[in-house]
Protein backbone atom coordinates (compact mmCIF):
# COMPACT_ATOMS: atom_id res chain seq x y z
CA MET A 1 145.20 92.77 254.07
CA SER A 2 146.27 89.37 255.43
CA GLY A 3 143.79 86.49 255.69
CA GLY A 4 144.12 86.49 259.47
CA ALA A 5 142.69 90.00 259.65
CA PHE A 6 139.30 88.66 258.67
CA LEU A 7 139.26 86.57 261.84
CA THR A 8 140.00 89.47 264.17
CA PRO A 9 137.30 89.73 266.88
CA ALA A 10 135.08 92.78 266.81
CA ALA A 11 136.36 95.69 268.86
CA PRO A 12 134.42 96.63 272.03
CA GLY A 13 133.09 99.74 270.29
CA GLU A 14 131.82 97.67 267.36
CA ARG A 15 130.11 95.19 269.68
CA LYS A 16 128.54 98.08 271.58
CA GLY A 17 127.28 99.57 268.31
CA LEU A 18 125.79 96.23 267.26
CA GLY A 19 124.04 95.87 270.63
CA ARG A 20 122.61 99.37 270.30
CA ALA A 21 121.35 98.59 266.79
CA LEU A 22 119.67 95.40 267.97
CA PHE A 23 118.01 97.31 270.80
CA LEU A 24 116.80 100.13 268.55
CA ALA A 25 115.42 97.87 265.79
CA PRO A 26 112.19 96.92 267.65
CA LEU A 27 111.68 100.58 268.63
CA PHE A 28 111.93 101.53 264.94
CA PHE A 29 109.25 99.02 263.95
CA ILE A 30 107.03 100.05 266.89
CA LEU A 31 107.26 103.68 265.74
CA ILE A 32 106.17 102.62 262.25
CA CYS A 33 103.16 100.83 263.74
CA VAL A 34 102.23 103.90 265.82
CA ALA A 35 102.61 106.16 262.76
CA GLN A 36 100.24 103.85 260.86
CA LYS A 37 97.74 104.04 263.72
CA LEU A 38 97.89 107.86 263.79
CA GLY A 39 97.47 108.07 260.02
CA ILE A 40 100.91 109.63 259.47
CA ILE A 41 101.86 106.88 257.00
CA GLU A 42 99.89 104.28 255.06
CA LEU A 43 101.55 100.90 254.65
CA PRO A 44 100.57 98.62 251.74
CA ASN A 45 98.82 95.38 252.73
CA GLY A 46 101.85 93.18 252.06
CA LEU A 47 104.09 95.30 254.25
CA ARG A 48 101.44 95.46 257.00
CA ALA A 49 101.42 91.69 257.19
CA GLY A 50 105.23 91.63 257.16
CA MET A 51 105.34 93.93 260.19
CA VAL A 52 104.26 90.98 262.37
CA PHE A 53 107.41 89.09 261.45
CA PHE A 54 109.66 92.17 261.55
CA LEU A 55 108.50 92.94 265.09
CA LEU A 56 108.86 89.34 266.29
CA ILE A 57 112.34 88.79 264.82
CA SER A 58 113.69 92.16 265.99
CA MET A 59 112.50 91.51 269.56
CA MET A 60 113.97 88.00 269.58
CA LEU A 61 117.34 89.36 268.39
CA THR A 62 117.52 91.53 271.52
CA GLY A 63 117.61 88.34 273.60
CA MET A 64 114.03 88.75 274.83
CA PRO A 65 112.39 85.40 275.77
CA ILE A 66 110.33 84.08 272.86
CA SER A 67 107.12 83.93 274.89
CA ILE A 68 107.34 87.62 275.83
CA ALA A 69 108.45 88.65 272.32
CA LEU A 70 105.48 86.78 270.89
CA GLY A 71 103.01 88.40 273.28
CA MET A 72 104.34 91.93 272.76
CA THR A 73 104.39 91.50 268.98
CA VAL A 74 100.76 90.42 268.91
CA LEU A 75 99.52 93.16 271.24
CA ILE A 76 101.43 95.94 269.44
CA PHE A 77 100.20 94.76 266.06
CA ILE A 78 96.57 94.33 267.14
CA PHE A 79 96.31 97.74 268.80
CA THR A 80 98.15 99.72 266.11
CA MET A 81 97.62 97.94 262.79
CA THR A 82 94.11 96.46 263.08
CA ASN A 83 90.63 97.42 264.20
CA VAL A 84 90.04 94.23 266.18
CA PRO A 85 87.95 95.02 269.31
CA LEU A 86 89.59 94.39 272.69
CA GLN A 87 86.68 92.10 273.62
CA SER A 88 87.48 89.83 270.66
CA VAL A 89 91.10 89.54 271.81
CA ALA A 90 90.05 88.54 275.33
CA LEU A 91 87.49 86.06 273.99
CA LYS A 92 90.00 84.46 271.63
CA LEU A 93 92.55 84.24 274.42
CA PHE A 94 90.26 82.17 276.65
CA THR A 95 88.59 80.07 273.95
CA GLY A 96 92.01 79.27 272.46
CA ILE A 97 93.43 77.76 275.65
CA GLU A 98 90.35 76.03 277.04
CA LYS A 99 90.96 72.99 274.81
CA PHE A 100 90.86 69.75 276.76
CA GLU A 101 93.98 68.44 274.97
CA ILE A 102 96.15 71.15 276.54
CA MET A 103 95.68 69.50 279.94
CA ALA A 104 97.74 66.56 278.69
CA ILE A 105 100.90 68.70 278.66
CA PRO A 106 101.34 69.27 282.44
CA PHE A 107 100.39 65.65 283.15
CA PHE A 108 102.99 64.25 280.75
CA ILE A 109 105.60 66.64 282.17
CA LEU A 110 104.77 65.48 285.71
CA ALA A 111 104.91 61.80 284.69
CA GLY A 112 108.28 62.34 283.00
CA ASN A 113 109.72 64.00 286.12
CA PHE A 114 108.52 61.19 288.40
CA LEU A 115 110.03 58.60 286.05
CA THR A 116 113.32 60.51 285.74
CA HIS A 117 113.83 60.68 289.51
CA GLY A 118 112.14 57.38 290.39
CA GLY A 119 114.64 54.76 289.24
CA VAL A 120 112.69 53.72 286.13
CA ALA A 121 115.47 54.77 283.74
CA ARG A 122 118.13 52.72 285.56
CA ARG A 123 116.02 49.56 285.34
CA MET A 124 115.26 50.16 281.66
CA ILE A 125 119.01 50.51 281.01
CA ASN A 126 119.68 47.20 282.80
CA PHE A 127 117.02 45.49 280.69
CA ALA A 128 118.38 46.97 277.44
CA THR A 129 121.94 45.98 278.37
CA ALA A 130 120.84 42.42 279.08
CA MET A 131 119.17 42.21 275.67
CA VAL A 132 121.71 43.86 273.32
CA GLY A 133 124.83 44.54 275.40
CA HIS A 134 126.74 41.59 273.89
CA TRP A 135 126.56 43.01 270.36
CA HIS A 136 129.16 45.37 268.87
CA GLY A 137 128.66 48.69 270.59
CA GLY A 138 127.38 47.06 273.78
CA LEU A 139 126.36 49.88 276.06
CA GLY A 140 125.93 52.20 273.06
CA LEU A 141 123.19 49.95 271.65
CA ALA A 142 121.74 49.62 275.14
CA ALA A 143 121.60 53.44 275.33
CA VAL A 144 119.61 53.63 272.07
CA MET A 145 117.20 50.93 273.23
CA ALA A 146 116.82 52.47 276.69
CA CYS A 147 116.15 55.90 275.15
CA ALA A 148 113.45 54.39 272.95
CA LEU A 149 111.82 52.67 275.94
CA PHE A 150 112.01 55.76 278.15
CA ALA A 151 110.70 57.92 275.29
CA ALA A 152 107.60 55.75 275.26
CA VAL A 153 106.75 56.82 278.80
CA SER A 154 108.13 60.37 279.16
CA GLY A 155 107.14 62.47 276.10
CA SER A 156 110.19 64.73 276.44
CA SER A 157 113.60 64.63 274.76
CA PRO A 158 115.62 66.54 277.40
CA ALA A 159 114.09 64.34 280.12
CA THR A 160 115.16 61.24 278.17
CA VAL A 161 118.73 62.53 277.79
CA VAL A 162 118.95 63.34 281.51
CA ALA A 163 117.42 60.07 282.70
CA ILE A 164 119.39 57.74 280.43
CA GLY A 165 122.56 59.78 279.94
CA SER A 166 123.27 60.44 283.61
CA VAL A 167 123.33 56.67 284.26
CA ILE A 168 124.83 55.14 281.10
CA LEU A 169 127.42 57.74 280.01
CA PRO A 170 129.69 57.32 283.08
CA ALA A 171 129.41 53.52 282.65
CA MET A 172 130.43 53.78 278.98
CA VAL A 173 133.50 55.85 279.85
CA ARG A 174 134.49 53.31 282.54
CA GLN A 175 134.18 50.51 279.96
CA GLY A 176 136.57 52.27 277.58
CA PHE A 177 134.23 54.01 275.14
CA PRO A 178 135.42 57.43 273.94
CA PRO A 179 133.36 60.16 275.64
CA ARG A 180 132.40 61.60 272.24
CA PHE A 181 130.89 58.28 271.16
CA GLY A 182 128.63 58.00 274.20
CA ALA A 183 127.64 61.66 274.03
CA GLY A 184 126.72 61.35 270.34
CA VAL A 185 124.58 58.28 270.95
CA VAL A 186 122.62 59.64 273.92
CA THR A 187 122.16 63.17 272.53
CA THR A 188 120.56 61.93 269.30
CA ALA A 189 118.74 58.85 270.67
CA GLY A 190 117.29 61.07 273.39
CA ALA A 191 115.47 62.98 270.64
CA LEU A 192 113.21 59.92 270.28
CA GLY A 193 111.40 61.38 273.31
CA ILE A 194 109.27 63.60 271.08
CA LEU A 195 108.62 61.09 268.26
CA ILE A 196 107.75 57.89 270.09
CA PRO A 197 104.41 58.54 271.81
CA PRO A 198 103.43 60.08 274.12
CA SER A 199 104.86 63.36 272.79
CA ILE A 200 104.39 66.89 274.11
CA VAL A 201 105.34 68.32 270.69
CA MET A 202 102.57 66.27 269.06
CA VAL A 203 100.06 67.62 271.58
CA LEU A 204 101.15 71.18 270.74
CA TYR A 205 100.74 70.49 267.01
CA ALA A 206 97.29 68.98 267.63
CA VAL A 207 96.22 72.02 269.65
CA SER A 208 97.51 74.38 266.95
CA THR A 209 95.83 72.60 264.03
CA ASN A 210 92.84 70.74 265.54
CA THR A 211 94.34 67.39 264.55
CA SER A 212 93.56 64.20 266.51
CA VAL A 213 96.13 63.62 269.28
CA GLY A 214 95.31 59.90 269.32
CA GLN A 215 96.01 59.51 265.61
CA LEU A 216 99.29 61.42 265.95
CA PHE A 217 100.42 59.21 268.84
CA ILE A 218 99.69 55.99 266.94
CA ALA A 219 101.23 57.42 263.75
CA GLY A 220 104.49 58.10 265.63
CA VAL A 221 105.03 54.46 266.63
CA ILE A 222 106.40 53.08 263.31
CA PRO A 223 108.59 56.14 262.48
CA GLY A 224 109.91 56.06 266.06
CA LEU A 225 110.89 52.40 265.79
CA VAL A 226 112.44 52.95 262.34
CA LEU A 227 114.55 55.87 263.58
CA ALA A 228 115.62 53.93 266.69
CA THR A 229 116.70 51.06 264.41
CA MET A 230 118.65 53.41 262.11
CA LEU A 231 120.42 55.05 265.07
CA GLY A 232 121.19 51.56 266.43
CA ILE A 233 122.69 50.49 263.08
CA THR A 234 124.86 53.63 263.01
CA THR A 235 126.01 52.91 266.58
CA TRP A 236 126.73 49.24 265.78
CA TYR A 237 128.70 50.10 262.63
CA ARG A 238 130.91 52.71 264.31
CA ALA A 239 131.54 50.40 267.26
CA TRP A 240 132.36 47.46 264.98
CA LYS A 241 134.65 49.60 262.80
CA ASN A 242 136.57 51.01 265.80
CA GLY A 243 136.60 47.84 267.90
CA TYR A 244 134.76 49.30 270.88
CA PRO A 245 134.07 46.95 273.84
CA ARG A 246 130.95 44.88 274.33
CA GLN A 247 129.36 43.17 277.31
CA PRO A 248 129.39 39.43 278.06
CA LYS A 249 126.20 37.80 276.78
CA ALA A 250 123.53 37.74 279.47
CA SER A 251 121.91 34.39 280.20
CA PHE A 252 118.21 33.86 279.56
CA GLY A 253 117.60 33.95 283.31
CA GLU A 254 119.38 37.31 283.61
CA GLN A 255 117.30 38.69 280.76
CA ILE A 256 114.07 37.56 282.42
CA ARG A 257 115.18 39.03 285.76
CA ALA A 258 116.04 42.38 284.12
CA PHE A 259 112.65 42.39 282.39
CA LYS A 260 110.82 41.71 285.66
CA GLU A 261 112.65 44.58 287.38
CA SER A 262 111.73 47.01 284.59
CA ALA A 263 108.22 45.64 283.99
CA TRP A 264 106.48 48.27 286.14
CA GLY A 265 107.92 51.05 284.00
CA LEU A 266 107.35 49.20 280.71
CA PHE A 267 103.71 48.61 281.62
CA LEU A 268 103.14 52.37 281.38
CA ILE A 269 103.65 52.05 277.60
CA ILE A 270 100.68 49.68 277.45
CA ILE A 271 98.58 51.99 279.62
CA VAL A 272 99.12 55.03 277.38
CA ILE A 273 99.13 53.51 273.87
CA GLY A 274 96.73 50.65 274.62
CA GLY A 275 94.31 52.92 276.46
CA ILE A 276 94.19 55.43 273.60
CA TYR A 277 93.84 52.77 270.88
CA THR A 278 91.06 50.87 272.64
CA GLY A 279 89.23 54.11 273.38
CA PHE A 280 89.41 53.45 277.11
CA PHE A 281 91.22 56.77 277.61
CA THR A 282 91.40 60.01 275.72
CA PRO A 283 95.02 61.21 275.34
CA THR A 284 94.47 63.71 278.16
CA GLU A 285 93.07 61.04 280.47
CA ALA A 286 95.96 58.76 279.54
CA ALA A 287 98.36 61.55 280.51
CA ALA A 288 96.66 61.93 283.91
CA MET A 289 96.76 58.16 284.45
CA SER A 290 100.45 58.04 283.53
CA ALA A 291 101.24 60.79 286.08
CA VAL A 292 99.43 58.94 288.87
CA TYR A 293 100.98 55.60 287.85
CA ALA A 294 104.49 57.10 287.66
CA PHE A 295 104.04 58.58 291.16
CA ILE A 296 102.96 55.21 292.58
CA ILE A 297 105.79 53.15 291.10
CA ALA A 298 108.45 55.78 291.93
CA VAL A 299 107.40 56.22 295.57
CA PHE A 300 105.73 52.95 296.60
CA VAL A 301 107.04 50.23 294.26
CA TYR A 302 110.66 51.07 293.40
CA LYS A 303 110.98 53.36 296.46
CA ASP A 304 113.81 55.32 294.82
CA MET A 305 111.90 58.49 295.70
CA THR A 306 110.44 59.43 299.08
CA LEU A 307 107.35 61.49 299.84
CA LYS A 308 109.71 64.31 300.88
CA ASP A 309 110.96 64.50 297.26
CA VAL A 310 107.46 64.84 295.79
CA PRO A 311 107.01 68.63 296.42
CA ARG A 312 110.28 69.32 294.59
CA VAL A 313 109.14 67.28 291.58
CA LEU A 314 105.72 68.98 291.63
CA LEU A 315 107.32 72.43 291.72
CA SER A 316 109.70 71.61 288.86
CA SER A 317 106.81 70.28 286.77
CA ALA A 318 104.69 73.34 287.55
CA ASN A 319 107.50 75.67 286.45
CA MET A 320 107.94 73.89 283.13
CA SER A 321 104.18 73.64 282.55
CA ALA A 322 103.66 77.34 283.30
CA MET A 323 106.38 78.28 280.81
CA LEU A 324 104.81 76.15 278.06
CA LEU A 325 101.26 77.31 278.78
CA TYR A 326 102.39 80.94 278.66
CA ILE A 327 103.94 80.32 275.23
CA ILE A 328 100.72 78.59 274.12
CA THR A 329 98.63 81.54 275.28
CA ASN A 330 100.66 84.01 273.24
CA ALA A 331 100.84 81.63 270.28
CA VAL A 332 97.03 81.44 270.23
CA LEU A 333 96.88 85.22 269.80
CA PHE A 334 99.62 85.07 267.16
CA SER A 335 97.61 82.50 265.23
CA PHE A 336 94.55 84.77 265.55
CA VAL A 337 96.50 87.67 264.03
CA MET A 338 97.74 85.44 261.17
CA THR A 339 94.19 84.35 260.37
CA ASN A 340 92.79 87.87 260.72
CA GLU A 341 95.35 89.14 258.20
CA ASN A 342 94.72 86.14 255.87
CA ILE A 343 98.46 85.39 255.81
CA PRO A 344 98.20 81.54 255.62
CA GLN A 345 95.51 81.80 252.94
CA ALA A 346 97.61 84.26 250.93
CA MET A 347 100.64 81.93 251.19
CA ALA A 348 98.56 78.98 250.02
CA GLN A 349 97.21 80.94 247.07
CA TRP A 350 100.68 82.20 246.11
CA MET A 351 102.16 78.69 246.16
CA THR A 352 99.27 77.36 244.10
CA ASP A 353 99.70 80.17 241.58
CA GLN A 354 103.42 79.42 241.32
CA GLY A 355 102.64 75.81 240.50
CA PHE A 356 104.24 74.40 243.66
CA GLY A 357 103.31 70.76 244.22
CA TRP A 358 103.37 68.91 247.53
CA ILE A 359 106.92 67.64 246.89
CA THR A 360 108.37 71.15 246.52
CA PHE A 361 106.29 72.48 249.40
CA LEU A 362 107.50 69.79 251.81
CA LEU A 363 111.10 70.49 250.78
CA VAL A 364 110.58 74.19 251.55
CA VAL A 365 108.92 73.29 254.89
CA ASN A 366 111.85 71.08 255.90
CA VAL A 367 114.39 73.80 255.09
CA LEU A 368 112.32 76.42 256.92
CA LEU A 369 111.90 74.26 260.02
CA LEU A 370 115.58 73.30 260.11
CA LEU A 371 116.54 76.97 259.87
CA ALA A 372 114.04 77.86 262.61
CA GLY A 373 115.65 75.18 264.76
CA ASN A 374 118.79 77.34 264.79
CA VAL A 375 117.09 80.14 266.70
CA MET A 376 114.06 78.70 268.52
CA GLU A 377 113.18 75.67 270.62
CA PRO A 378 110.59 73.13 269.38
CA SER A 379 107.47 74.24 271.25
CA SER A 380 107.81 77.82 269.98
CA ILE A 381 108.45 76.68 266.40
CA VAL A 382 105.38 74.42 266.37
CA LEU A 383 103.09 77.01 267.94
CA ILE A 384 104.23 79.80 265.60
CA LEU A 385 104.73 78.02 262.26
CA ALA A 386 102.19 75.17 262.35
CA PRO A 387 99.12 77.49 262.06
CA ILE A 388 100.80 79.27 259.13
CA LEU A 389 101.94 76.19 257.19
CA PHE A 390 98.97 73.92 257.96
CA PRO A 391 96.40 75.62 255.65
CA VAL A 392 98.89 75.50 252.78
CA ALA A 393 99.51 71.79 253.39
CA MET A 394 95.77 71.10 253.43
CA LYS A 395 95.27 72.97 250.15
CA LEU A 396 97.97 70.82 248.55
CA GLY A 397 96.29 67.63 249.77
CA ILE A 398 98.87 66.66 252.41
CA ASP A 399 97.50 64.51 255.21
CA PRO A 400 97.40 66.45 258.53
CA VAL A 401 98.73 63.48 260.53
CA HIS A 402 101.62 62.92 258.11
CA PHE A 403 102.39 66.65 258.24
CA GLY A 404 102.44 66.53 262.04
CA ILE A 405 104.94 63.65 262.08
CA LEU A 406 107.12 65.50 259.57
CA ILE A 407 107.18 68.60 261.78
CA THR A 408 107.98 66.45 264.84
CA VAL A 409 110.97 64.83 263.10
CA ASN A 410 112.26 68.28 262.14
CA MET A 411 112.01 69.28 265.81
CA GLU A 412 114.05 66.18 266.72
CA VAL A 413 116.85 67.25 264.39
CA GLY A 414 116.72 70.80 265.78
CA MET A 415 117.25 69.51 269.32
CA CYS A 416 120.58 67.97 268.34
CA HIS A 417 122.41 70.83 266.63
CA PRO A 418 123.59 74.28 267.81
CA PRO A 419 123.04 77.00 268.69
CA VAL A 420 119.85 76.22 270.66
CA GLY A 421 119.69 72.41 270.54
CA LEU A 422 118.35 71.59 274.01
CA ASN A 423 119.71 68.04 273.96
CA LEU A 424 123.22 69.38 273.34
CA TYR A 425 123.07 71.59 276.42
CA VAL A 426 121.62 68.82 278.58
CA ALA A 427 124.31 66.38 277.40
CA SER A 428 126.95 69.05 277.94
CA GLY A 429 125.90 69.33 281.57
CA ILE A 430 126.23 65.56 282.02
CA THR A 431 129.49 65.01 280.11
CA ARG A 432 131.21 68.35 280.92
CA MET A 433 131.98 68.62 277.19
CA GLY A 434 131.79 71.91 275.29
CA ILE A 435 129.03 72.55 272.77
CA THR A 436 131.54 72.63 269.89
CA GLU A 437 132.97 69.24 270.85
CA LEU A 438 129.46 67.80 271.24
CA THR A 439 128.46 69.15 267.84
CA VAL A 440 131.33 67.21 266.27
CA ALA A 441 130.36 64.12 268.31
CA VAL A 442 126.74 63.97 267.11
CA TRP A 443 127.40 64.36 263.36
CA PRO A 444 127.29 60.66 262.34
CA TRP A 445 123.93 60.19 264.07
CA LEU A 446 122.66 63.60 262.94
CA LEU A 447 123.30 62.62 259.31
CA THR A 448 121.32 59.43 259.96
CA MET A 449 118.44 61.56 261.27
CA LEU A 450 118.53 63.72 258.14
CA VAL A 451 118.30 60.61 255.94
CA PHE A 452 115.34 59.50 258.04
CA LEU A 453 113.75 62.96 257.62
CA VAL A 454 113.81 62.50 253.83
CA LEU A 455 112.21 59.05 254.22
CA VAL A 456 109.40 60.25 256.49
CA THR A 457 108.78 63.30 254.28
CA TYR A 458 108.26 61.49 251.00
CA TRP A 459 106.94 58.15 252.26
CA PRO A 460 103.65 59.05 254.00
CA ALA A 461 102.72 55.38 254.42
CA MET A 462 105.35 55.05 257.15
CA SER A 463 103.32 57.41 259.32
CA LEU A 464 99.79 56.56 258.13
CA TRP A 465 99.90 52.76 257.87
CA LEU A 466 99.37 51.92 261.55
CA PRO A 467 96.48 54.37 262.23
CA THR A 468 94.81 53.09 259.04
CA VAL A 469 95.23 49.42 259.95
CA LEU A 470 93.87 50.07 263.45
CA GLY A 471 90.79 51.74 261.98
CA MET A 472 91.52 55.17 263.44
CA ARG A 473 91.23 56.95 260.07
């Protein structure tokens, strides 16, 4: 058989057979669960616990939305494989989502949408260009800096890519930068949106593990600045090596003027981080304040948005918030099932018995999270895996805040590679480039992020130094 035969696409009949198999797989596992309930078969304890994951993965492979797959998996397992009373399920459902920290999520989403549509991003780009545009890489370095600044007020990576990329990418192409270069910069620098506080992913981790949101936010500052610097160095080096254009040096007066124009947006960073550190706000209250502040500067200060645009922004924010809260609701039940079946405790005991130390465990966690990033988006990964991995980390003496930053950095990497990297799809919509071409474009910066992941994994002081110095620990 020739080598080319191995590349022959599957025949329609083969694809149809594969689709039928994927559809029948969850039915097969559901029948096993029902047989267990009726006493027809008796599964060993290890296999019973594994049924949770078999059900979830088989449903996801059918293309079912993760939130629905998660909910159906939990309900099927609870009603067929356990004796948990229905009242306990309902009670856990409501007590699991009544946490005050969860309210921060819709507020940060709303603030990010106001800032995206309210002209804040454009002014931050002008300020960044005035400060670093004359260096090698010019607008590329400005894009990294602008992404870091916008990340400090939005809490979302896709929002950062949209806000910064839609303005700066066309300008970079006009200046003579290759489209791949600009796309690579913005796609990866946009991931800073979930590491530099405020961060929706950090809030989800805190809700899943009962970790302090305030400590996580402060712990993300130094790693965020380090990653922004590393991405900037990569951008500068590639621009210097290839002779890409740079801007004329802005005068001191132009820099001051650009700062004044962006000051209203930059002040939001002080409101959120300063308010949390001083204890003036809780993270949830800071999120509410940032939403109100973003509305005021977008509509009444910059006036890039009118009151007629507000209902559209509110509706968009409500849609995204409802999606996330639905996932959280199902993830709470999933966590309940994990705990009820003692799965995290069994994993912790097994790793301890095998002699795994914290170094080996964190390596395994990184590989697991990077693999999960190939099939799930960050919020689902955090809500599903954090409750499972957290007890093991605690047993091995890993700091919960450091562990949260590590998971967040893994989520950043996952947003920048296929097949489900959200930043890739957002950037694709802006640049009109295919996902394959974008994947090639981001590799230099993605490798930089992987080096940073190793640093943040095995150098806990990077994450823990600032909260310790500020007396938050």
